[in-house]
Amino acid sequence: MLGTWRNDLRVGVPEIDGDHRRICDALDALSELINGCAQPTEFFEKLHELADSMAEHFSREEQMMHDIGYNGADSHLKNHYEALRILSTMVFSCEKHSKLVSGETLMLIKVWTMEHIHNYDQPLADAIISVNINSVFSVSNDRVVRPRQYYA
């Protein structure tokens, strides 16, 4: 199976790239479970991991948007809220009916993720990189490196 993560999904902010990789890994694990006829409990566990990873990622991005006074925050936040609403509805429905999502549904989530990265997260990353607030961000080779204590 072709993995979801690709180098062209890198946005240049290590925290965001790491989150994206974890989300893509969770999507790949769900695909493998669907294709391997997994038990619902194992599938639900991975689905919850995906939902948790996305919620943590969105929270981190939203804090970054706030930190830099990002102009595109409103539409970006609306996209996050809509994704979480759909994902939480899907998790609830799957568990209520003890059914896995279809491969087609999972593909839609993957497509949404790729589009979100390119259309929302890349512009955010570009804004983070361009701000270069010395006390919070340091930019080197078009990558943002945050001090560890920033998220402590």
Protein backbone atom coordinates (compact mmCIF):
# COMPACT_ATOMS: atom_id res chain seq x y z
CA MET A 1 0.00 0.00 0.00
CA LEU A 2 1.20 3.48 -0.85
CA GLY A 3 1.74 5.55 2.30
CA THR A 4 -0.12 8.81 2.83
CA TRP A 5 2.95 10.79 3.98
CA ARG A 6 4.98 12.36 1.19
CA ASN A 7 7.79 14.90 1.33
CA ASP A 8 5.70 17.43 -0.60
CA LEU A 9 3.46 17.62 2.47
CA ARG A 10 6.26 19.22 4.49
CA VAL A 11 5.46 22.84 5.32
CA GLY A 12 8.76 23.77 6.98
CA VAL A 13 7.62 24.06 10.60
CA PRO A 14 8.84 20.98 12.49
CA GLU A 15 5.92 20.83 14.94
CA ILE A 16 3.36 21.00 12.15
CA ASP A 17 5.28 18.54 9.97
CA GLY A 18 5.54 16.10 12.87
CA ASP A 19 1.81 16.34 13.51
CA HIS A 20 1.07 15.79 9.83
CA ARG A 21 3.27 12.72 9.75
CA ARG A 22 1.49 11.25 12.81
CA ILE A 23 -1.91 11.93 11.22
CA CYS A 24 -0.80 10.30 7.96
CA ASP A 25 0.58 7.30 9.88
CA ALA A 26 -2.77 6.94 11.68
CA LEU A 27 -4.61 7.08 8.34
CA ASP A 28 -2.31 4.39 6.94
CA ALA A 29 -2.85 2.20 10.01
CA LEU A 30 -6.62 2.53 9.56
CA SER A 31 -6.30 1.58 5.89
CA GLU A 32 -4.34 -1.53 6.82
CA LEU A 33 -6.97 -2.49 9.39
CA ILE A 34 -9.79 -2.07 6.87
CA ASN A 35 -7.94 -4.10 4.26
CA GLY A 36 -7.00 -6.75 6.81
CA CYS A 37 -10.50 -7.33 8.16
CA ALA A 38 -9.71 -5.97 11.61
CA GLN A 39 -11.86 -6.41 14.66
CA PRO A 40 -14.01 -3.34 15.39
CA THR A 41 -12.38 -2.69 18.79
CA GLU A 42 -8.91 -2.47 17.23
CA PHE A 43 -10.24 -0.22 14.49
CA PHE A 44 -12.05 2.07 16.98
CA GLU A 45 -8.86 2.42 19.01
CA LYS A 46 -6.95 3.61 15.93
CA LEU A 47 -9.84 5.86 14.91
CA HIS A 48 -9.70 7.51 18.34
CA GLU A 49 -5.92 7.94 17.92
CA LEU A 50 -6.54 9.72 14.61
CA ALA A 51 -9.20 11.98 16.16
CA ASP A 52 -6.92 12.78 19.12
CA SER A 53 -3.96 13.50 16.82
CA MET A 54 -6.05 15.83 14.70
CA ALA A 55 -7.48 17.66 17.73
CA GLU A 56 -3.99 18.12 19.24
CA HIS A 57 -2.65 19.31 15.90
CA PHE A 58 -5.48 21.79 15.43
CA SER A 59 -4.97 23.12 18.95
CA ARG A 60 -1.23 23.59 18.33
CA GLU A 61 -1.88 25.39 15.03
CA GLU A 62 -4.52 27.60 16.60
CA GLN A 63 -2.06 28.67 19.30
CA MET A 64 0.51 29.45 16.60
CA MET A 65 -2.08 31.51 14.71
CA HIS A 66 -2.83 33.45 17.87
CA ASP A 67 0.87 33.95 18.62
CA ILE A 68 1.60 35.58 15.28
CA GLY A 69 -1.75 37.34 14.75
CA TYR A 70 -2.39 35.28 11.62
CA ASN A 71 -4.71 37.01 9.13
CA GLY A 72 -6.10 33.74 7.73
CA ALA A 73 -7.14 32.40 11.13
CA ASP A 74 -10.93 32.70 10.69
CA SER A 75 -11.22 30.47 7.62
CA HIS A 76 -8.56 28.10 8.95
CA LEU A 77 -10.43 27.71 12.25
CA LYS A 78 -13.72 27.09 10.44
CA ASN A 79 -12.02 24.32 8.47
CA HIS A 80 -10.73 22.76 11.71
CA TYR A 81 -14.14 22.89 13.39
CA GLU A 82 -15.85 21.33 10.39
CA ALA A 83 -13.29 18.52 10.22
CA LEU A 84 -13.64 17.77 13.94
CA ARG A 85 -17.44 17.82 13.69
CA ILE A 86 -17.41 15.32 10.83
CA LEU A 87 -14.77 13.12 12.44
CA SER A 88 -16.53 13.01 15.82
CA THR A 89 -19.83 12.14 14.09
CA MET A 90 -18.07 9.36 12.22
CA VAL A 91 -16.45 7.98 15.40
CA PHE A 92 -19.79 8.01 17.22
CA SER A 93 -21.60 6.34 14.32
CA CYS A 94 -18.95 3.64 13.90
CA GLU A 95 -19.00 2.75 17.57
CA LYS A 96 -22.79 2.89 17.86
CA HIS A 97 -23.25 0.47 14.98
CA SER A 98 -20.03 -1.53 15.59
CA LYS A 99 -18.95 -1.00 11.99
CA LEU A 100 -15.74 0.07 10.37
CA VAL A 101 -15.66 3.00 7.97
CA SER A 102 -15.42 2.10 4.32
CA GLY A 103 -12.24 2.42 2.33
CA GLU A 104 -13.95 5.17 0.35
CA THR A 105 -14.72 7.16 3.50
CA LEU A 106 -11.14 6.81 4.66
CA MET A 107 -9.95 7.97 1.23
CA LEU A 108 -12.11 11.09 1.60
CA ILE A 109 -10.43 11.81 4.94
CA LYS A 110 -7.03 11.40 3.30
CA VAL A 111 -7.97 13.74 0.45
CA TRP A 112 -9.31 16.31 2.93
CA THR A 113 -6.05 16.07 4.90
CA MET A 114 -3.89 16.66 1.81
CA GLU A 115 -6.04 19.60 0.70
CA HIS A 116 -5.99 21.10 4.19
CA ILE A 117 -2.21 20.88 4.35
CA HIS A 118 -1.74 22.53 0.97
CA ASN A 119 -4.52 25.14 1.20
CA TYR A 120 -4.43 26.08 4.90
CA ASP A 121 -1.32 24.81 6.67
CA GLN A 122 1.25 25.83 4.07
CA PRO A 123 0.13 29.49 4.11
CA LEU A 124 0.17 29.39 7.93
CA ALA A 125 3.68 27.92 7.92
CA ASP A 126 4.82 30.58 5.45
CA ALA A 127 3.44 33.26 7.79
CA ILE A 128 5.15 31.68 10.81
CA ILE A 129 8.46 31.54 8.95
CA SER A 130 8.15 35.14 7.72
CA VAL A 131 7.38 36.53 11.20
CA ASN A 132 10.58 35.26 12.83
CA ILE A 133 9.88 36.58 16.32
CA ASN A 134 13.29 36.14 17.93
CA SER A 135 12.00 35.41 21.42
CA VAL A 136 9.66 32.67 20.20
CA PHE A 137 10.82 31.52 16.77
CA SER A 138 14.16 31.08 15.13
CA VAL A 139 14.26 30.40 11.42
CA SER A 140 17.05 28.49 9.78
CA ASN A 141 17.03 27.16 6.22
CA ASP A 142 13.29 27.93 5.86
CA ARG A 143 12.49 25.85 8.92
CA VAL A 144 11.08 27.11 12.18
CA VAL A 145 12.67 25.80 15.36
CA ARG A 146 10.89 26.60 18.63
CA PRO A 147 12.55 26.51 22.01
CA ARG A 148 11.32 23.48 23.97
CA GLN A 149 10.02 25.62 26.80
CA TYR A 150 7.60 27.34 24.41
CA TYR A 151 5.14 24.42 24.63
CA ALA A 152 6.13 23.23 28.07
